Amino acid sequence: MTSAALSVAFRHDSLTTASKASLERMAKTLGFTQNQTVLYALARLRDELQQAESASQAVVTPAAAATDYPDLSPQQFAIIRQHAPKRRGKPVRSSSLASLL
């Protein structure tokens, strides 16, 4: 079996990205190399997705699937709000549109 190399562009820590420093801390905590840590994280994500997929196949209706999730806590809402896109510029008013016509 041959192994393929994967190039990773690290970014700052956020909801969907991780920094090189975070990878180093995780590897040290787990006692793994950085490569082993990445492969471990991918394996865990694969298992979670497979479990979610098998659970979603058991659900017949979309309405029933929506009730399977627990309510979000105030802390989770705060995290979502923190990562939501920020408004840019001023809101458009109908009077400003009329002046363009």
N, C-alpha and C. Protein backbone atom coordinates (compact mmCIF):
# COMPACT_ATOMS: atom_id res chain seq x y z
N MET A 1 0.85 -1.17 0.00
CA MET A 1 0.00 0.00 0.00
C MET A 1 0.89 1.23 0.00
N THR A 2 0.62 2.15 -0.91
CA THR A 2 1.39 3.38 -0.95
C THR A 2 0.63 4.47 -0.22
N SER A 3 1.37 5.39 0.36
CA SER A 3 0.72 6.48 1.06
C SER A 3 0.82 7.73 0.21
N ALA A 4 -0.24 8.49 0.21
CA ALA A 4 -0.27 9.74 -0.54
C ALA A 4 -0.08 10.90 0.42
N ALA A 5 0.71 11.87 -0.01
CA ALA A 5 0.94 13.05 0.82
C ALA A 5 -0.22 14.02 0.65
N LEU A 6 -0.50 14.75 1.71
CA LEU A 6 -1.56 15.75 1.69
C LEU A 6 -0.98 17.06 2.19
N SER A 7 -1.14 18.09 1.39
CA SER A 7 -0.67 19.41 1.79
C SER A 7 -1.80 20.12 2.53
N VAL A 8 -1.49 20.67 3.69
CA VAL A 8 -2.50 21.33 4.50
C VAL A 8 -2.09 22.79 4.70
N ALA A 9 -3.03 23.69 4.43
CA ALA A 9 -2.79 25.12 4.67
C ALA A 9 -3.45 25.48 6.00
N PHE A 10 -2.64 25.69 7.01
CA PHE A 10 -3.17 26.01 8.32
C PHE A 10 -3.63 27.46 8.35
N ARG A 11 -4.67 27.71 9.14
CA ARG A 11 -5.21 29.05 9.33
C ARG A 11 -5.36 29.28 10.82
N HIS A 12 -5.90 30.43 11.20
CA HIS A 12 -6.15 30.69 12.62
C HIS A 12 -7.28 29.77 13.10
N ASP A 13 -7.33 29.54 14.38
CA ASP A 13 -8.35 28.67 14.95
C ASP A 13 -9.74 29.31 14.79
N SER A 14 -10.68 28.53 14.28
CA SER A 14 -12.06 28.97 14.16
C SER A 14 -12.95 27.73 14.20
N LEU A 15 -14.20 27.91 13.89
CA LEU A 15 -15.14 26.80 13.93
C LEU A 15 -14.78 25.71 12.92
N THR A 16 -14.22 26.10 11.77
CA THR A 16 -13.95 25.13 10.71
C THR A 16 -12.48 25.00 10.35
N THR A 17 -11.60 25.72 11.03
CA THR A 17 -10.17 25.63 10.73
C THR A 17 -9.37 25.45 12.01
N ALA A 18 -8.12 25.05 11.83
CA ALA A 18 -7.22 24.87 12.98
C ALA A 18 -5.86 25.44 12.64
N SER A 19 -5.16 25.86 13.65
CA SER A 19 -3.82 26.42 13.45
C SER A 19 -2.77 25.33 13.66
N LYS A 20 -1.59 25.61 13.19
CA LYS A 20 -0.47 24.69 13.38
C LYS A 20 -0.17 24.51 14.87
N ALA A 21 -0.29 25.60 15.63
CA ALA A 21 -0.04 25.53 17.07
C ALA A 21 -1.05 24.61 17.75
N SER A 22 -2.30 24.66 17.31
CA SER A 22 -3.32 23.76 17.88
C SER A 22 -3.00 22.31 17.59
N LEU A 23 -2.56 22.04 16.36
CA LEU A 23 -2.18 20.67 16.01
C LEU A 23 -1.03 20.19 16.88
N GLU A 24 -0.05 21.05 17.10
CA GLU A 24 1.08 20.69 17.94
C GLU A 24 0.63 20.38 19.37
N ARG A 25 -0.28 21.22 19.92
CA ARG A 25 -0.78 20.99 21.28
C ARG A 25 -1.57 19.67 21.36
N MET A 26 -2.43 19.42 20.37
CA MET A 26 -3.21 18.18 20.37
C MET A 26 -2.30 16.96 20.29
N ALA A 27 -1.28 17.03 19.42
CA ALA A 27 -0.36 15.91 19.27
C ALA A 27 0.39 15.64 20.58
N LYS A 28 0.82 16.70 21.22
CA LYS A 28 1.53 16.54 22.49
C LYS A 28 0.61 15.95 23.56
N THR A 29 -0.63 16.43 23.61
CA THR A 29 -1.60 15.92 24.60
C THR A 29 -1.89 14.44 24.38
N LEU A 30 -2.06 14.05 23.11
CA LEU A 30 -2.39 12.66 22.79
C LEU A 30 -1.16 11.74 22.80
N GLY A 31 0.03 12.33 22.74
CA GLY A 31 1.23 11.51 22.66
C GLY A 31 1.43 10.95 21.27
N PHE A 32 0.89 11.62 20.27
CA PHE A 32 1.00 11.21 18.87
C PHE A 32 1.94 12.14 18.15
N THR A 33 2.35 11.71 16.94
CA THR A 33 2.99 12.65 16.03
C THR A 33 1.89 13.51 15.42
N GLN A 34 2.28 14.59 14.76
CA GLN A 34 1.27 15.45 14.13
C GLN A 34 0.50 14.68 13.05
N ASN A 35 1.21 13.84 12.30
CA ASN A 35 0.56 13.04 11.27
C ASN A 35 -0.45 12.07 11.89
N GLN A 36 -0.08 11.40 12.97
CA GLN A 36 -0.99 10.48 13.65
C GLN A 36 -2.21 11.22 14.19
N THR A 37 -2.00 12.44 14.68
CA THR A 37 -3.10 13.24 15.21
C THR A 37 -4.10 13.58 14.12
N VAL A 38 -3.62 13.98 12.96
CA VAL A 38 -4.51 14.30 11.84
C VAL A 38 -5.27 13.06 11.40
N LEU A 39 -4.58 11.94 11.28
CA LEU A 39 -5.25 10.70 10.86
C LEU A 39 -6.28 10.23 11.90
N TYR A 40 -5.95 10.40 13.17
CA TYR A 40 -6.88 10.05 14.26
C TYR A 40 -8.13 10.92 14.18
N ALA A 41 -7.94 12.23 13.97
CA ALA A 41 -9.08 13.14 13.87
C ALA A 41 -9.95 12.79 12.67
N LEU A 42 -9.34 12.47 11.55
CA LEU A 42 -10.11 12.09 10.37
C LEU A 42 -10.87 10.78 10.60
N ALA A 43 -10.24 9.83 11.28
CA ALA A 43 -10.92 8.57 11.57
C ALA A 43 -12.12 8.79 12.49
N ARG A 44 -11.96 9.67 13.51
CA ARG A 44 -13.08 9.98 14.40
C ARG A 44 -14.21 10.65 13.65
N LEU A 45 -13.89 11.60 12.77
CA LEU A 45 -14.90 12.28 11.97
C LEU A 45 -15.61 11.30 11.05
N ARG A 46 -14.85 10.39 10.44
CA ARG A 46 -15.45 9.37 9.58
C ARG A 46 -16.45 8.53 10.36
N ASP A 47 -16.07 8.10 11.55
CA ASP A 47 -16.96 7.28 12.37
C ASP A 47 -18.22 8.04 12.77
N GLU A 48 -18.06 9.32 13.13
CA GLU A 48 -19.23 10.13 13.50
C GLU A 48 -20.18 10.30 12.32
N LEU A 49 -19.61 10.53 11.13
CA LEU A 49 -20.45 10.71 9.94
C LEU A 49 -21.16 9.41 9.57
N GLN A 50 -20.47 8.30 9.72
CA GLN A 50 -21.10 7.02 9.42
C GLN A 50 -22.24 6.73 10.39
N GLN A 51 -22.04 7.06 11.67
CA GLN A 51 -23.10 6.87 12.65
C GLN A 51 -24.28 7.77 12.34
N ALA A 52 -24.01 9.01 11.98
CA ALA A 52 -25.08 9.95 11.65
C ALA A 52 -25.81 9.49 10.40
N GLU A 53 -25.08 8.97 9.43
CA GLU A 53 -25.69 8.50 8.20
C GLU A 53 -26.59 7.29 8.47
N SER A 54 -26.10 6.35 9.28
CA SER A 54 -26.91 5.17 9.58
C SER A 54 -28.14 5.54 10.41
N ALA A 55 -28.00 6.54 11.28
CA ALA A 55 -29.15 6.99 12.07
C ALA A 55 -30.15 7.72 11.19
N SER A 56 -29.68 8.49 10.21
CA SER A 56 -30.60 9.23 9.35
C SER A 56 -31.34 8.29 8.40
N GLN A 57 -30.75 7.16 8.07
CA GLN A 57 -31.43 6.21 7.20
C GLN A 57 -32.57 5.53 7.94
N ALA A 58 -32.48 5.46 9.25
CA ALA A 58 -33.54 4.85 10.04
C ALA A 58 -34.75 5.76 10.16
N VAL A 59 -34.54 7.06 10.02
CA VAL A 59 -35.63 8.04 10.12
C VAL A 59 -36.35 8.10 8.79
N VAL A 60 -37.68 8.04 8.84
CA VAL A 60 -38.47 8.01 7.62
C VAL A 60 -38.82 9.41 7.13
N THR A 61 -39.23 10.30 8.02
CA THR A 61 -39.69 11.62 7.59
C THR A 61 -38.71 12.70 8.03
N PRO A 62 -38.59 13.78 7.25
CA PRO A 62 -37.72 14.89 7.65
C PRO A 62 -38.19 15.55 8.95
N ALA A 63 -39.49 15.60 9.18
CA ALA A 63 -40.01 16.21 10.41
C ALA A 63 -39.53 15.42 11.64
N ALA A 64 -39.48 14.11 11.51
CA ALA A 64 -39.01 13.28 12.62
C ALA A 64 -37.52 13.50 12.85
N ALA A 65 -36.76 13.72 11.77
CA ALA A 65 -35.32 13.94 11.90
C ALA A 65 -35.04 15.24 12.64
N ALA A 66 -35.85 16.26 12.44
CA ALA A 66 -35.64 17.55 13.08
C ALA A 66 -35.81 17.46 14.59
N THR A 67 -36.61 16.54 15.07
CA THR A 67 -36.85 16.41 16.51
C THR A 67 -35.78 15.59 17.22
N ASP A 68 -34.86 14.99 16.46
CA ASP A 68 -33.82 14.17 17.06
C ASP A 68 -32.72 14.99 17.72
N TYR A 69 -32.63 16.28 17.39
CA TYR A 69 -31.57 17.11 17.93
C TYR A 69 -32.02 17.77 19.23
N PRO A 70 -31.13 17.81 20.23
CA PRO A 70 -31.48 18.50 21.47
C PRO A 70 -31.49 20.01 21.24
N ASP A 71 -32.15 20.74 22.12
CA ASP A 71 -32.16 22.20 22.03
C ASP A 71 -30.76 22.74 22.26
N LEU A 72 -30.46 23.86 21.60
CA LEU A 72 -29.16 24.49 21.77
C LEU A 72 -29.12 25.26 23.07
N SER A 73 -27.96 25.24 23.70
CA SER A 73 -27.77 25.98 24.95
C SER A 73 -27.47 27.45 24.61
N PRO A 74 -27.60 28.36 25.58
CA PRO A 74 -27.25 29.76 25.33
C PRO A 74 -25.78 29.92 24.89
N GLN A 75 -24.90 29.09 25.42
CA GLN A 75 -23.49 29.16 25.02
C GLN A 75 -23.33 28.76 23.55
N GLN A 76 -24.08 27.76 23.10
CA GLN A 76 -23.99 27.34 21.71
C GLN A 76 -24.53 28.43 20.79
N PHE A 77 -25.62 29.09 21.19
CA PHE A 77 -26.14 30.21 20.41
C PHE A 77 -25.11 31.33 20.33
N ALA A 78 -24.41 31.59 21.42
CA ALA A 78 -23.40 32.65 21.43
C ALA A 78 -22.27 32.32 20.45
N ILE A 79 -21.87 31.07 20.40
CA ILE A 79 -20.82 30.65 19.47
C ILE A 79 -21.28 30.82 18.04
N ILE A 80 -22.52 30.44 17.76
CA ILE A 80 -23.07 30.59 16.41
C ILE A 80 -23.11 32.07 16.03
N ARG A 81 -23.59 32.92 16.94
CA ARG A 81 -23.65 34.36 16.66
C ARG A 81 -22.26 34.93 16.41
N GLN A 82 -21.29 34.44 17.15
CA GLN A 82 -19.92 34.93 17.01
C GLN A 82 -19.36 34.62 15.61
N HIS A 83 -19.73 33.48 15.05
CA HIS A 83 -19.21 33.05 13.76
C HIS A 83 -20.11 33.42 12.59
N ALA A 84 -21.24 34.04 12.86
CA ALA A 84 -22.15 34.46 11.79
C ALA A 84 -21.51 35.59 10.99
N PRO A 85 -21.80 35.64 9.69
CA PRO A 85 -21.24 36.74 8.89
C PRO A 85 -21.69 38.09 9.42
N LYS A 86 -20.77 39.06 9.40
CA LYS A 86 -21.07 40.40 9.87
C LYS A 86 -21.68 41.23 8.74
N ARG A 87 -22.58 42.16 9.10
CA ARG A 87 -23.17 43.04 8.11
C ARG A 87 -22.12 43.98 7.57
N ARG A 88 -22.20 44.25 6.29
CA ARG A 88 -21.25 45.17 5.67
C ARG A 88 -22.03 46.35 5.11
N GLY A 89 -21.54 47.54 5.36
CA GLY A 89 -22.16 48.73 4.81
C GLY A 89 -23.46 49.08 5.51
N LYS A 90 -24.14 50.05 4.92
CA LYS A 90 -25.40 50.51 5.48
C LYS A 90 -26.55 49.75 4.84
N PRO A 91 -27.68 49.63 5.55
CA PRO A 91 -28.84 48.98 4.94
C PRO A 91 -29.38 49.83 3.79
N VAL A 92 -29.93 49.16 2.79
CA VAL A 92 -30.50 49.86 1.63
C VAL A 92 -31.91 50.29 1.98
N ARG A 93 -32.22 51.54 1.70
CA ARG A 93 -33.57 52.07 1.94
C ARG A 93 -34.25 52.31 0.60
N SER A 94 -35.55 52.24 0.60
CA SER A 94 -36.29 52.43 -0.64
C SER A 94 -36.07 53.83 -1.20
N SER A 95 -35.87 54.82 -0.35
CA SER A 95 -35.64 56.18 -0.83
C SER A 95 -34.30 56.29 -1.58
N SER A 96 -33.31 55.54 -1.15
CA SER A 96 -32.02 55.59 -1.84
C SER A 96 -32.11 54.87 -3.20
N LEU A 97 -32.96 53.88 -3.32
CA LEU A 97 -33.17 53.20 -4.58
C LEU A 97 -33.88 54.10 -5.58
N ALA A 98 -34.85 54.90 -5.08
CA ALA A 98 -35.61 55.80 -5.95
C ALA A 98 -34.70 56.85 -6.56
N SER A 99 -33.69 57.29 -5.84
CA SER A 99 -32.78 58.31 -6.37
C SER A 99 -31.90 57.76 -7.48
N LEU A 100 -31.72 56.43 -7.54
CA LEU A 100 -30.93 55.81 -8.58
C LEU A 100 -31.70 55.71 -9.89
N LEU A 101 -33.01 55.70 -9.82
CA LEU A 101 -33.83 55.51 -11.02
C LEU A 101 -34.04 56.76 -11.76
